[in-house]
Amino acid sequence: MAPRFLVTERIPAAGLDLLHDAGQVTLLPAVPSAGELRALCASGDYDVLLSRLGDCVDAELLAAARLRGVSNYAVGFNNIDVPAATARGILVGNTPGVLTDATADIAMLLILGTARRVIEADSLVRSGGFTGWTPELMVGADVSGQVLGLAGFGRIARATARRALAFGMGVVFSPRPPAERHVSDAELGEFAGKVRQLPWGDVAARADFLSIHVPLNESTHHLVDAAVLAAMKPTAFLINTARGPVVDEAALVQALRSGVIAGAGLDVYENEPALAPGLAELPNTVLLPHVGSATAPVRNKMAVLAARNAIAMAKGELPPHAVNPEAHRP
């Protein structure tokens, strides 16, 4: 029997074409509810689920699932209960390594956009409020010469650091907050002597721009809470292109309202796509709709990786990008 793929939302043709060539593809006409997705995965009609980040593939779904694998169209996989999948012998795949530069570009865009009040300035012009240059019109903050603090120092954080250094920023980082570990010059490679490692609390306190680049897990949930925000400079900006729940969004709204920090640039949200009450009304924010990977080449590469993972799983093979290779049972 040809492999059978369940796709919850259309992905670029580069990936869909691979799936169609390999087997039977069911592309749902609308994003399924949690209950609908559980029923589909338990039906026995599909070998592999090609999921998106918004699909909840939890322990309840996996307990009843009759699947060989779940191929997530994302580099993250916090929407999937990986231990539960592993216990059931269900492989999980993701799409790593293709969105590093695109996401770092968005982080830098948010740094520049918040510092220079780009949303406020654009709104002023569009509303007809721009009546000519004045000495104090839309005065913002400097970027060059300021300190970028990085929570995490993986691929995307390093790419962001590379951009920040080109803008003349100083860079400090904590490699795996809230835990601490030493990073040697050998591991730093090109960044040795150019960036400085500090404890997480010092990174938050010294940064003019604090940019988040950690995965979402139990230790990083609400890593940036009211206490961390209070430790930041009142002139500092928070930048998040990682995962929304890393930041306590309600605490962030309060900090932005009361001047605890100067502003925030966000591409992800705690209860996405919903925003914390009051966030959208704050003028000192730049809010993007989770577009860190949203370039045509990157999304096409993600689709190809997700499809190749799905095809390998359907054949009983270890996929190219397995999150839980120990679940493979040849």
C-alpha atoms as a PDB file:
ATOM      1  CA  MET A   1       0.000   0.000   0.000  1.00  0.00           C
ATOM      2  CA  ALA A   2       1.270   3.476  -0.878  1.00  0.00           C
ATOM      3  CA  PRO A   3       2.208   5.705   2.072  1.00  0.00           C
ATOM      4  CA  ARG A   4      -0.658   7.862   3.351  1.00  0.00           C
ATOM      5  CA  PHE A   5       0.012  11.393   4.553  1.00  0.00           C
ATOM      6  CA  LEU A   6      -2.300  13.662   6.551  1.00  0.00           C
ATOM      7  CA  VAL A   7      -1.441  17.352   6.088  1.00  0.00           C
ATOM      8  CA  THR A   8      -3.263  19.757   8.392  1.00  0.00           C
ATOM      9  CA  GLU A   9      -2.520  22.929   6.411  1.00  0.00           C
ATOM     10  CA  ARG A  10      -1.124  23.621   2.952  1.00  0.00           C
ATOM     11  CA  ILE A  11       2.665  23.837   2.763  1.00  0.00           C
ATOM     12  CA  PRO A  12       4.657  25.126  -0.232  1.00  0.00           C
ATOM     13  CA  ALA A  13       4.418  23.053  -3.405  1.00  0.00           C
ATOM     14  CA  ALA A  14       8.064  21.980  -3.156  1.00  0.00           C
ATOM     15  CA  GLY A  15       7.070  19.764  -0.231  1.00  0.00           C
ATOM     16  CA  LEU A  16       3.560  18.788  -1.316  1.00  0.00           C
ATOM     17  CA  ASP A  17       4.834  17.595  -4.687  1.00  0.00           C
ATOM     18  CA  LEU A  18       7.282  15.247  -2.966  1.00  0.00           C
ATOM     19  CA  LEU A  19       4.473  13.809  -0.859  1.00  0.00           C
ATOM     20  CA  HIS A  20       2.194  13.327  -3.887  1.00  0.00           C
ATOM     21  CA  ASP A  21       5.020  11.538  -5.728  1.00  0.00           C
ATOM     22  CA  ALA A  22       5.558   9.224  -2.747  1.00  0.00           C
ATOM     23  CA  GLY A  23       1.986   8.296  -1.855  1.00  0.00           C
ATOM     24  CA  GLN A  24      -1.532   9.465  -1.046  1.00  0.00           C
ATOM     25  CA  VAL A  25      -1.956  12.954   0.402  1.00  0.00           C
ATOM     26  CA  THR A  26      -4.951  14.185   2.364  1.00  0.00           C
ATOM     27  CA  LEU A  27      -4.816  17.972   2.690  1.00  0.00           C
ATOM     28  CA  LEU A  28      -7.503  19.117   5.086  1.00  0.00           C
ATOM     29  CA  PRO A  29      -9.757  21.935   3.815  1.00  0.00           C
ATOM     30  CA  ALA A  30      -9.535  23.736   7.157  1.00  0.00           C
ATOM     31  CA  VAL A  31      -7.279  23.546  10.205  1.00  0.00           C
ATOM     32  CA  PRO A  32      -8.767  20.805  12.416  1.00  0.00           C
ATOM     33  CA  SER A  33      -9.884  21.268  15.995  1.00  0.00           C
ATOM     34  CA  ALA A  34      -8.031  19.289  18.653  1.00  0.00           C
ATOM     35  CA  GLY A  35     -10.818  16.722  18.739  1.00  0.00           C
ATOM     36  CA  GLU A  36     -10.941  16.392  14.974  1.00  0.00           C
ATOM     37  CA  LEU A  37      -7.191  15.896  14.784  1.00  0.00           C
ATOM     38  CA  ARG A  38      -7.275  13.207  17.488  1.00  0.00           C
ATOM     39  CA  ALA A  39      -9.988  11.327  15.608  1.00  0.00           C
ATOM     40  CA  LEU A  40      -8.118  11.522  12.303  1.00  0.00           C
ATOM     41  CA  CYS A  41      -4.872  10.298  13.834  1.00  0.00           C
ATOM     42  CA  ALA A  42      -6.672   7.407  15.566  1.00  0.00           C
ATOM     43  CA  SER A  43      -8.532   6.336  12.415  1.00  0.00           C
ATOM     44  CA  GLY A  44      -5.770   4.172  10.987  1.00  0.00           C
ATOM     45  CA  ASP A  45      -6.209   5.920   7.636  1.00  0.00           C
ATOM     46  CA  TYR A  46      -2.818   7.633   7.724  1.00  0.00           C
ATOM     47  CA  ASP A  47       0.802   6.627   8.212  1.00  0.00           C
ATOM     48  CA  VAL A  48       2.262  10.049   8.957  1.00  0.00           C
ATOM     49  CA  LEU A  49       0.883  13.340  10.220  1.00  0.00           C
ATOM     50  CA  LEU A  50       2.515  16.432   8.742  1.00  0.00           C
ATOM     51  CA  SER A  51       1.710  18.964  11.439  1.00  0.00           C
ATOM     52  CA  ARG A  52       2.186  22.677  11.919  1.00  0.00           C
ATOM     53  CA  LEU A  53       3.297  24.483  15.060  1.00  0.00           C
ATOM     54  CA  GLY A  54      -0.301  25.309  15.981  1.00  0.00           C
ATOM     55  CA  ASP A  55      -1.374  21.646  16.025  1.00  0.00           C
ATOM     56  CA  CYS A  56      -1.528  20.171  19.529  1.00  0.00           C
ATOM     57  CA  VAL A  57      -0.048  16.690  19.308  1.00  0.00           C
ATOM     58  CA  ASP A  58      -0.360  15.846  22.982  1.00  0.00           C
ATOM     59  CA  ALA A  59      -0.242  12.656  25.032  1.00  0.00           C
ATOM     60  CA  GLU A  60      -3.983  12.090  24.619  1.00  0.00           C
ATOM     61  CA  LEU A  61      -3.751  12.226  20.841  1.00  0.00           C
ATOM     62  CA  LEU A  62      -0.650  10.036  20.755  1.00  0.00           C
ATOM     63  CA  ALA A  63      -2.130   7.411  23.081  1.00  0.00           C
ATOM     64  CA  ALA A  64      -4.807   6.636  20.505  1.00  0.00           C
ATOM     65  CA  ALA A  65      -2.815   7.463  17.361  1.00  0.00           C
ATOM     66  CA  ARG A  66      -2.218   4.828  14.720  1.00  0.00           C
ATOM     67  CA  LEU A  67       0.713   6.620  13.111  1.00  0.00           C
ATOM     68  CA  ARG A  68       4.309   5.834  12.236  1.00  0.00           C
ATOM     69  CA  GLY A  69       5.432   9.396  12.606  1.00  0.00           C
ATOM     70  CA  VAL A  70       4.742  13.092  13.033  1.00  0.00           C
ATOM     71  CA  SER A  71       6.656  15.477  10.768  1.00  0.00           C
ATOM     72  CA  ASN A  72       6.466  19.005  12.149  1.00  0.00           C
ATOM     73  CA  TYR A  73       6.655  21.876   9.674  1.00  0.00           C
ATOM     74  CA  ALA A  74       8.786  23.922  12.083  1.00  0.00           C
ATOM     75  CA  VAL A  75      12.192  23.903  13.693  1.00  0.00           C
ATOM     76  CA  GLY A  76      10.485  23.858  17.101  1.00  0.00           C
ATOM     77  CA  PHE A  77       8.445  20.941  18.384  1.00  0.00           C
ATOM     78  CA  ASN A  78       7.029  22.155  21.693  1.00  0.00           C
ATOM     79  CA  ASN A  79       3.554  21.468  20.268  1.00  0.00           C
ATOM     80  CA  ILE A  80       4.356  17.733  20.354  1.00  0.00           C
ATOM     81  CA  ASP A  81       4.671  15.553  23.458  1.00  0.00           C
ATOM     82  CA  VAL A  82       7.914  13.918  22.344  1.00  0.00           C
ATOM     83  CA  PRO A  83       8.254  11.534  25.345  1.00  0.00           C
ATOM     84  CA  ALA A  84       4.718  10.287  24.726  1.00  0.00           C
ATOM     85  CA  ALA A  85       5.496   9.776  21.039  1.00  0.00           C
ATOM     86  CA  THR A  86       8.697   7.928  21.873  1.00  0.00           C
ATOM     87  CA  ALA A  87       6.894   5.630  24.308  1.00  0.00           C
ATOM     88  CA  ARG A  88       4.497   4.709  21.507  1.00  0.00           C
ATOM     89  CA  GLY A  89       7.267   4.187  18.952  1.00  0.00           C
ATOM     90  CA  ILE A  90       6.131   7.211  16.947  1.00  0.00           C
ATOM     91  CA  LEU A  91       8.936   9.140  15.308  1.00  0.00           C
ATOM     92  CA  VAL A  92       8.972  12.946  15.408  1.00  0.00           C
ATOM     93  CA  GLY A  93      10.791  15.086  12.858  1.00  0.00           C
ATOM     94  CA  ASN A  94      11.447  18.820  12.493  1.00  0.00           C
ATOM     95  CA  THR A  95      13.079  21.252  10.042  1.00  0.00           C
ATOM     96  CA  PRO A  96      16.285  22.575  11.648  1.00  0.00           C
ATOM     97  CA  GLY A  97      19.095  24.642  10.203  1.00  0.00           C
ATOM     98  CA  VAL A  98      17.263  26.431   7.373  1.00  0.00           C
ATOM     99  CA  LEU A  99      15.824  29.495   9.083  1.00  0.00           C
ATOM    100  CA  THR A 100      18.833  30.765  11.041  1.00  0.00           C
ATOM    101  CA  ASP A 101      19.616  33.830   8.949  1.00  0.00           C
ATOM    102  CA  ALA A 102      15.984  34.711   8.269  1.00  0.00           C
ATOM    103  CA  THR A 103      15.151  34.715  11.979  1.00  0.00           C
ATOM    104  CA  ALA A 104      18.300  36.641  12.876  1.00  0.00           C
ATOM    105  CA  ASP A 105      17.296  39.244  10.298  1.00  0.00           C
ATOM    106  CA  ILE A 106      13.940  39.610  12.063  1.00  0.00           C
ATOM    107  CA  ALA A 107      15.673  39.962  15.439  1.00  0.00           C
ATOM    108  CA  MET A 108      17.816  42.760  14.023  1.00  0.00           C
ATOM    109  CA  LEU A 109      14.772  44.356  12.412  1.00  0.00           C
ATOM    110  CA  LEU A 110      13.024  44.395  15.802  1.00  0.00           C
ATOM    111  CA  ILE A 111      16.093  45.903  17.461  1.00  0.00           C
ATOM    112  CA  LEU A 112      16.199  48.715  14.897  1.00  0.00           C
ATOM    113  CA  GLY A 113      12.435  49.114  14.755  1.00  0.00           C
ATOM    114  CA  THR A 114      11.953  49.485  18.488  1.00  0.00           C
ATOM    115  CA  ALA A 115      14.954  51.769  18.913  1.00  0.00           C
ATOM    116  CA  ARG A 116      13.913  54.129  16.152  1.00  0.00           C
ATOM    117  CA  ARG A 117      10.152  53.995  16.887  1.00  0.00           C
ATOM    118  CA  VAL A 118       9.408  52.870  13.351  1.00  0.00           C
ATOM    119  CA  ILE A 119       5.763  51.863  13.938  1.00  0.00           C
ATOM    120  CA  GLU A 120       4.925  55.177  15.640  1.00  0.00           C
ATOM    121  CA  ALA A 121       6.705  57.104  12.897  1.00  0.00           C
ATOM    122  CA  ASP A 122       4.954  55.218  10.106  1.00  0.00           C
ATOM    123  CA  SER A 123       1.573  55.776  11.762  1.00  0.00           C
ATOM    124  CA  LEU A 124       2.271  59.486  12.148  1.00  0.00           C
ATOM    125  CA  VAL A 125       2.942  59.887   8.440  1.00  0.00           C
ATOM    126  CA  ARG A 126      -0.023  57.757   7.324  1.00  0.00           C
ATOM    127  CA  SER A 127      -2.440  59.588   9.615  1.00  0.00           C
ATOM    128  CA  GLY A 128      -1.447  63.001   8.268  1.00  0.00           C
ATOM    129  CA  GLY A 129       0.182  64.002  11.542  1.00  0.00           C
ATOM    130  CA  PHE A 130       3.577  64.732   9.964  1.00  0.00           C
ATOM    131  CA  THR A 131       3.684  68.503   9.476  1.00  0.00           C
ATOM    132  CA  GLY A 132       7.419  68.886   8.983  1.00  0.00           C
ATOM    133  CA  TRP A 133      10.746  68.273  10.677  1.00  0.00           C
ATOM    134  CA  THR A 134      11.176  69.477  14.252  1.00  0.00           C
ATOM    135  CA  PRO A 135      14.133  68.979  16.622  1.00  0.00           C
ATOM    136  CA  GLU A 136      12.290  66.588  18.943  1.00  0.00           C
ATOM    137  CA  LEU A 137      10.176  64.700  16.415  1.00  0.00           C
ATOM    138  CA  MET A 138      10.229  60.908  17.019  1.00  0.00           C
ATOM    139  CA  VAL A 139      13.508  60.926  18.903  1.00  0.00           C
ATOM    140  CA  GLY A 140      14.533  57.338  19.568  1.00  0.00           C
ATOM    141  CA  ALA A 141      17.449  55.350  20.927  1.00  0.00           C
ATOM    142  CA  ASP A 142      20.863  54.520  19.507  1.00  0.00           C
ATOM    143  CA  VAL A 143      21.764  51.003  18.355  1.00  0.00           C
ATOM    144  CA  SER A 144      25.445  51.416  17.513  1.00  0.00           C
ATOM    145  CA  GLY A 145      27.534  51.506  20.668  1.00  0.00           C
ATOM    146  CA  GLN A 146      24.828  49.804  22.737  1.00  0.00           C
ATOM    147  CA  VAL A 147      24.939  46.395  24.405  1.00  0.00           C
ATOM    148  CA  LEU A 148      23.058  43.433  22.986  1.00  0.00           C
ATOM    149  CA  GLY A 149      22.343  40.762  25.573  1.00  0.00           C
ATOM    150  CA  LEU A 150      21.609  37.289  24.270  1.00  0.00           C
ATOM    151  CA  ALA A 151      19.645  34.651  26.147  1.00  0.00           C
ATOM    152  CA  GLY A 152      21.105  31.553  24.538  1.00  0.00           C
ATOM    153  CA  PHE A 153      24.020  31.253  22.131  1.00  0.00           C
ATOM    154  CA  GLY A 154      22.930  28.731  19.517  1.00  0.00           C
ATOM    155  CA  ARG A 155      22.751  29.163  15.759  1.00  0.00           C
ATOM    156  CA  ILE A 156      20.209  31.993  15.653  1.00  0.00           C
ATOM    157  CA  ALA A 157      21.764  33.853  18.582  1.00  0.00           C
ATOM    158  CA  ARG A 158      25.188  33.646  16.924  1.00  0.00           C
ATOM    159  CA  ALA A 159      23.773  34.921  13.636  1.00  0.00           C
ATOM    160  CA  THR A 160      22.157  37.805  15.533  1.00  0.00           C
ATOM    161  CA  ALA A 161      25.454  38.524  17.293  1.00  0.00           C
ATOM    162  CA  ARG A 162      27.212  38.644  13.930  1.00  0.00           C
ATOM    163  CA  ARG A 163      24.773  41.286  12.721  1.00  0.00           C
ATOM    164  CA  ALA A 164      24.974  43.262  15.953  1.00  0.00           C
ATOM    165  CA  LEU A 165      28.768  43.365  15.820  1.00  0.00           C
ATOM    166  CA  ALA A 166      28.533  44.768  12.292  1.00  0.00           C
ATOM    167  CA  PHE A 167      26.368  47.564  13.720  1.00  0.00           C
ATOM    168  CA  GLY A 168      29.057  48.375  16.275  1.00  0.00           C
ATOM    169  CA  MET A 169      27.219  46.882  19.221  1.00  0.00           C
ATOM    170  CA  GLY A 170      28.809  45.165  22.197  1.00  0.00           C
ATOM    171  CA  VAL A 171      27.544  41.631  22.772  1.00  0.00           C
ATOM    172  CA  VAL A 172      27.150  39.739  26.042  1.00  0.00           C
ATOM    173  CA  PHE A 173      25.473  36.361  26.386  1.00  0.00           C
ATOM    174  CA  SER A 174      24.345  33.592  28.677  1.00  0.00           C
ATOM    175  CA  PRO A 175      24.538  30.303  26.757  1.00  0.00           C
ATOM    176  CA  ARG A 176      21.770  28.328  28.424  1.00  0.00           C
ATOM    177  CA  PRO A 177      19.775  30.404  30.912  1.00  0.00           C
ATOM    178  CA  PRO A 178      18.674  30.005  33.623  1.00  0.00           C
ATOM    179  CA  ALA A 179      21.409  27.357  33.970  1.00  0.00           C
ATOM    180  CA  GLU A 180      25.057  28.370  33.683  1.00  0.00           C
ATOM    181  CA  ARG A 181      27.913  26.675  31.846  1.00  0.00           C
ATOM    182  CA  HIS A 182      31.277  27.959  30.644  1.00  0.00           C
ATOM    183  CA  VAL A 183      31.849  28.381  26.912  1.00  0.00           C
ATOM    184  CA  SER A 184      35.508  28.115  25.896  1.00  0.00           C
ATOM    185  CA  ASP A 185      37.198  30.250  23.262  1.00  0.00           C
ATOM    186  CA  ALA A 186      37.474  27.136  21.103  1.00  0.00           C
ATOM    187  CA  GLU A 187      33.705  26.711  21.205  1.00  0.00           C
ATOM    188  CA  LEU A 188      33.174  30.425  20.541  1.00  0.00           C
ATOM    189  CA  GLY A 189      35.239  30.180  17.359  1.00  0.00           C
ATOM    190  CA  GLU A 190      34.872  33.372  15.312  1.00  0.00           C
ATOM    191  CA  PHE A 191      33.329  35.128  18.333  1.00  0.00           C
ATOM    192  CA  ALA A 192      36.278  34.580  20.670  1.00  0.00           C
ATOM    193  CA  GLY A 193      37.418  37.960  21.977  1.00  0.00           C
ATOM    194  CA  LYS A 194      34.408  39.679  20.391  1.00  0.00           C
ATOM    195  CA  VAL A 195      31.610  38.673  22.779  1.00  0.00           C
ATOM    196  CA  ARG A 196      31.545  38.230  26.543  1.00  0.00           C
ATOM    197  CA  GLN A 197      29.860  35.548  28.609  1.00  0.00           C
ATOM    198  CA  LEU A 198      28.094  36.702  31.778  1.00  0.00           C
ATOM    199  CA  PRO A 199      25.706  35.110  34.268  1.00  0.00           C
ATOM    200  CA  TRP A 200      22.086  35.349  33.152  1.00  0.00           C
ATOM    201  CA  GLY A 201      21.190  38.003  35.732  1.00  0.00           C
ATOM    202  CA  ASP A 202      24.076  40.203  34.603  1.00  0.00           C
ATOM    203  CA  VAL A 203      23.114  39.832  30.947  1.00  0.00           C
ATOM    204  CA  ALA A 204      19.597  41.059  31.726  1.00  0.00           C
ATOM    205  CA  ALA A 205      20.890  43.948  33.837  1.00  0.00           C
ATOM    206  CA  ARG A 206      23.536  45.181  31.384  1.00  0.00           C
ATOM    207  CA  ALA A 207      21.718  44.800  28.077  1.00  0.00           C
ATOM    208  CA  ASP A 208      20.335  47.768  26.193  1.00  0.00           C
ATOM    209  CA  PHE A 209      18.580  45.190  24.008  1.00  0.00           C
ATOM    210  CA  LEU A 210      17.813  41.766  25.495  1.00  0.00           C
ATOM    211  CA  SER A 211      17.156  39.235  22.726  1.00  0.00           C
ATOM    212  CA  ILE A 212      15.691  35.800  23.474  1.00  0.00           C
ATOM    213  CA  HIS A 213      17.082  32.709  21.688  1.00  0.00           C
ATOM    214  CA  VAL A 214      16.241  29.691  23.843  1.00  0.00           C
ATOM    215  CA  PRO A 215      13.943  26.721  23.238  1.00  0.00           C
ATOM    216  CA  LEU A 216      10.730  26.452  25.204  1.00  0.00           C
ATOM    217  CA  ASN A 217      10.879  23.865  27.974  1.00  0.00           C
ATOM    218  CA  GLU A 218      10.102  23.644  31.675  1.00  0.00           C
ATOM    219  CA  SER A 219      13.201  25.598  32.672  1.00  0.00           C
ATOM    220  CA  THR A 220      12.692  28.420  30.166  1.00  0.00           C
ATOM    221  CA  HIS A 221       8.936  28.904  30.610  1.00  0.00           C
ATOM    222  CA  HIS A 222       8.592  32.513  31.842  1.00  0.00           C
ATOM    223  CA  LEU A 223      12.376  32.865  31.853  1.00  0.00           C
ATOM    224  CA  VAL A 224      11.673  36.580  31.418  1.00  0.00           C
ATOM    225  CA  ASP A 225       9.291  37.343  34.264  1.00  0.00           C
ATOM    226  CA  ALA A 226       8.514  40.420  36.336  1.00  0.00           C
ATOM    227  CA  ALA A 227      11.752  40.049  38.302  1.00  0.00           C
ATOM    228  CA  VAL A 228      13.932  39.917  35.175  1.00  0.00           C
ATOM    229  CA  LEU A 229      12.086  42.857  33.643  1.00  0.00           C
ATOM    230  CA  ALA A 230      12.614  44.848  36.852  1.00  0.00           C
ATOM    231  CA  ALA A 231      16.341  44.066  36.686  1.00  0.00           C
ATOM    232  CA  MET A 232      16.625  45.503  33.179  1.00  0.00           C
ATOM    233  CA  LYS A 233      17.523  49.115  32.488  1.00  0.00           C
ATOM    234  CA  PRO A 234      14.553  51.480  32.155  1.00  0.00           C
ATOM    235  CA  THR A 235      16.005  52.420  28.766  1.00  0.00           C
ATOM    236  CA  ALA A 236      16.260  48.792  27.601  1.00  0.00           C
ATOM    237  CA  PHE A 237      14.235  46.897  24.994  1.00  0.00           C
ATOM    238  CA  LEU A 238      13.128  43.257  25.021  1.00  0.00           C
ATOM    239  CA  ILE A 239      13.290  41.324  21.734  1.00  0.00           C
ATOM    240  CA  ASN A 240      11.684  37.884  21.340  1.00  0.00           C
ATOM    241  CA  THR A 241      11.894  35.764  18.191  1.00  0.00           C
ATOM    242  CA  ALA A 242      12.060  32.419  20.043  1.00  0.00           C
ATOM    243  CA  ARG A 243       8.843  31.163  21.672  1.00  0.00           C
ATOM    244  CA  GLY A 244       6.126  33.277  23.275  1.00  0.00           C
ATOM    245  CA  PRO A 245       5.816  31.476  26.637  1.00  0.00           C
ATOM    246  CA  VAL A 246       9.486  32.187  27.407  1.00  0.00           C
ATOM    247  CA  VAL A 247       8.195  35.653  28.346  1.00  0.00           C
ATOM    248  CA  ASP A 248       5.512  36.329  30.947  1.00  0.00           C
ATOM    249  CA  GLU A 249       3.420  38.455  28.600  1.00  0.00           C
ATOM    250  CA  ALA A 250       1.152  39.910  31.280  1.00  0.00           C
ATOM    251  CA  ALA A 251       4.218  41.022  33.254  1.00  0.00           C
ATOM    252  CA  LEU A 252       5.675  42.497  30.072  1.00  0.00           C
ATOM    253  CA  VAL A 253       2.546  44.563  29.422  1.00  0.00           C
ATOM    254  CA  GLN A 254       2.741  45.960  32.954  1.00  0.00           C
ATOM    255  CA  ALA A 255       6.456  46.723  32.570  1.00  0.00           C
ATOM    256  CA  LEU A 256       5.866  48.536  29.296  1.00  0.00           C
ATOM    257  CA  ARG A 257       2.957  50.531  30.686  1.00  0.00           C
ATOM    258  CA  SER A 258       4.822  51.634  33.800  1.00  0.00           C
ATOM    259  CA  GLY A 259       8.164  52.443  32.186  1.00  0.00           C
ATOM    260  CA  VAL A 260      10.082  49.577  33.780  1.00  0.00           C
ATOM    261  CA  ILE A 261      11.593  49.046  30.322  1.00  0.00           C
ATOM    262  CA  ALA A 262      11.482  51.287  27.254  1.00  0.00           C
ATOM    263  CA  GLY A 263       9.927  48.965  24.699  1.00  0.00           C
ATOM    264  CA  ALA A 264       9.624  45.524  23.158  1.00  0.00           C
ATOM    265  CA  GLY A 265       9.801  43.902  19.739  1.00  0.00           C
ATOM    266  CA  LEU A 266       7.952  40.595  19.471  1.00  0.00           C
ATOM    267  CA  ASP A 267       7.448  38.026  16.730  1.00  0.00           C
ATOM    268  CA  VAL A 268       5.964  35.372  19.049  1.00  0.00           C
ATOM    269  CA  TYR A 269       3.341  35.424  21.796  1.00  0.00           C
ATOM    270  CA  GLU A 270       2.498  33.465  24.908  1.00  0.00           C
ATOM    271  CA  ASN A 271      -0.970  32.345  23.758  1.00  0.00           C
ATOM    272  CA  GLU A 272      -0.486  32.800  20.049  1.00  0.00           C
ATOM    273  CA  PRO A 273      -2.308  34.122  18.101  1.00  0.00           C
ATOM    274  CA  ALA A 274      -4.028  35.860  21.039  1.00  0.00           C
ATOM    275  CA  LEU A 275      -2.200  38.752  22.694  1.00  0.00           C
ATOM    276  CA  ALA A 276      -2.119  39.599  26.376  1.00  0.00           C
ATOM    277  CA  PRO A 277      -4.734  42.263  27.169  1.00  0.00           C
ATOM    278  CA  GLY A 278      -3.357  45.721  26.478  1.00  0.00           C
ATOM    279  CA  LEU A 279      -0.328  44.660  24.455  1.00  0.00           C
ATOM    280  CA  ALA A 280      -1.680  45.774  21.083  1.00  0.00           C
ATOM    281  CA  GLU A 281      -2.484  49.255  22.423  1.00  0.00           C
ATOM    282  CA  LEU A 282       1.039  50.003  23.628  1.00  0.00           C
ATOM    283  CA  PRO A 283       2.862  52.452  21.369  1.00  0.00           C
ATOM    284  CA  ASN A 284       6.337  51.336  22.511  1.00  0.00           C
ATOM    285  CA  THR A 285       6.119  47.964  20.791  1.00  0.00           C
ATOM    286  CA  VAL A 286       6.756  46.423  17.398  1.00  0.00           C
ATOM    287  CA  LEU A 287       4.489  43.384  16.966  1.00  0.00           C
ATOM    288  CA  LEU A 288       4.996  40.930  14.092  1.00  0.00           C
ATOM    289  CA  PRO A 289       2.831  37.889  13.205  1.00  0.00           C
ATOM    290  CA  HIS A 290       5.429  35.114  13.710  1.00  0.00           C
ATOM    291  CA  VAL A 291       7.282  35.776  10.459  1.00  0.00           C
ATOM    292  CA  GLY A 292      10.805  34.811  11.530  1.00  0.00           C
ATOM    293  CA  SER A 293      11.059  32.152   8.827  1.00  0.00           C
ATOM    294  CA  ALA A 294       8.796  33.888   6.310  1.00  0.00           C
ATOM    295  CA  THR A 295      10.917  34.145   3.206  1.00  0.00           C
ATOM    296  CA  ALA A 296      10.028  32.117   0.124  1.00  0.00           C
ATOM    297  CA  PRO A 297      13.362  30.214  -0.018  1.00  0.00           C
ATOM    298  CA  VAL A 298      13.235  29.321   3.687  1.00  0.00           C
ATOM    299  CA  ARG A 299       9.616  28.169   3.671  1.00  0.00           C
ATOM    300  CA  ASN A 300      10.317  26.046   0.574  1.00  0.00           C
ATOM    301  CA  LYS A 301      13.310  24.416   2.272  1.00  0.00           C
ATOM    302  CA  MET A 302      11.197  23.746   5.357  1.00  0.00           C
ATOM    303  CA  ALA A 303       8.549  22.095   3.190  1.00  0.00           C
ATOM    304  CA  VAL A 304      11.118  19.849   1.539  1.00  0.00           C
ATOM    305  CA  LEU A 305      12.630  18.815   4.875  1.00  0.00           C
ATOM    306  CA  ALA A 306       9.211  18.113   6.374  1.00  0.00           C
ATOM    307  CA  ALA A 307       8.207  16.056   3.338  1.00  0.00           C
ATOM    308  CA  ARG A 308      11.421  14.045   3.354  1.00  0.00           C
ATOM    309  CA  ASN A 309      10.972  13.333   7.054  1.00  0.00           C
ATOM    310  CA  ALA A 310       7.399  12.199   6.432  1.00  0.00           C
ATOM    311  CA  ILE A 311       8.335   9.966   3.491  1.00  0.00           C
ATOM    312  CA  ALA A 312      11.100   8.254   5.450  1.00  0.00           C
ATOM    313  CA  MET A 313       8.785   7.661   8.411  1.00  0.00           C
ATOM    314  CA  ALA A 314       6.093   6.196   6.177  1.00  0.00           C
ATOM    315  CA  LYS A 315       8.659   3.735   4.778  1.00  0.00           C
ATOM    316  CA  GLY A 316       9.722   2.674   8.266  1.00  0.00           C
ATOM    317  CA  GLU A 317      13.066   4.466   7.911  1.00  0.00           C
ATOM    318  CA  LEU A 318      14.818   6.887  10.250  1.00  0.00           C
ATOM    319  CA  PRO A 319      14.017  10.382   8.936  1.00  0.00           C
ATOM    320  CA  PRO A 320      16.821  12.842   8.086  1.00  0.00           C
ATOM    321  CA  HIS A 321      15.881  15.106  11.003  1.00  0.00           C
ATOM    322  CA  ALA A 322      14.549  12.933  13.804  1.00  0.00           C
ATOM    323  CA  VAL A 323      13.876  14.583  17.150  1.00  0.00           C
ATOM    324  CA  ASN A 324      13.595  11.182  18.853  1.00  0.00           C
ATOM    325  CA  PRO A 325      15.681   8.657  16.875  1.00  0.00           C
ATOM    326  CA  GLU A 326      15.380   6.227  19.783  1.00  0.00           C
ATOM    327  CA  ALA A 327      11.748   5.693  18.741  1.00  0.00           C
ATOM    328  CA  HIS A 328      12.878   4.092  15.475  1.00  0.00           C
ATOM    329  CA  ARG A 329      12.048   0.405  15.471  1.00  0.00           C
ATOM    330  CA  PRO A 330      13.272  -1.174  12.216  1.00  0.00           C
END
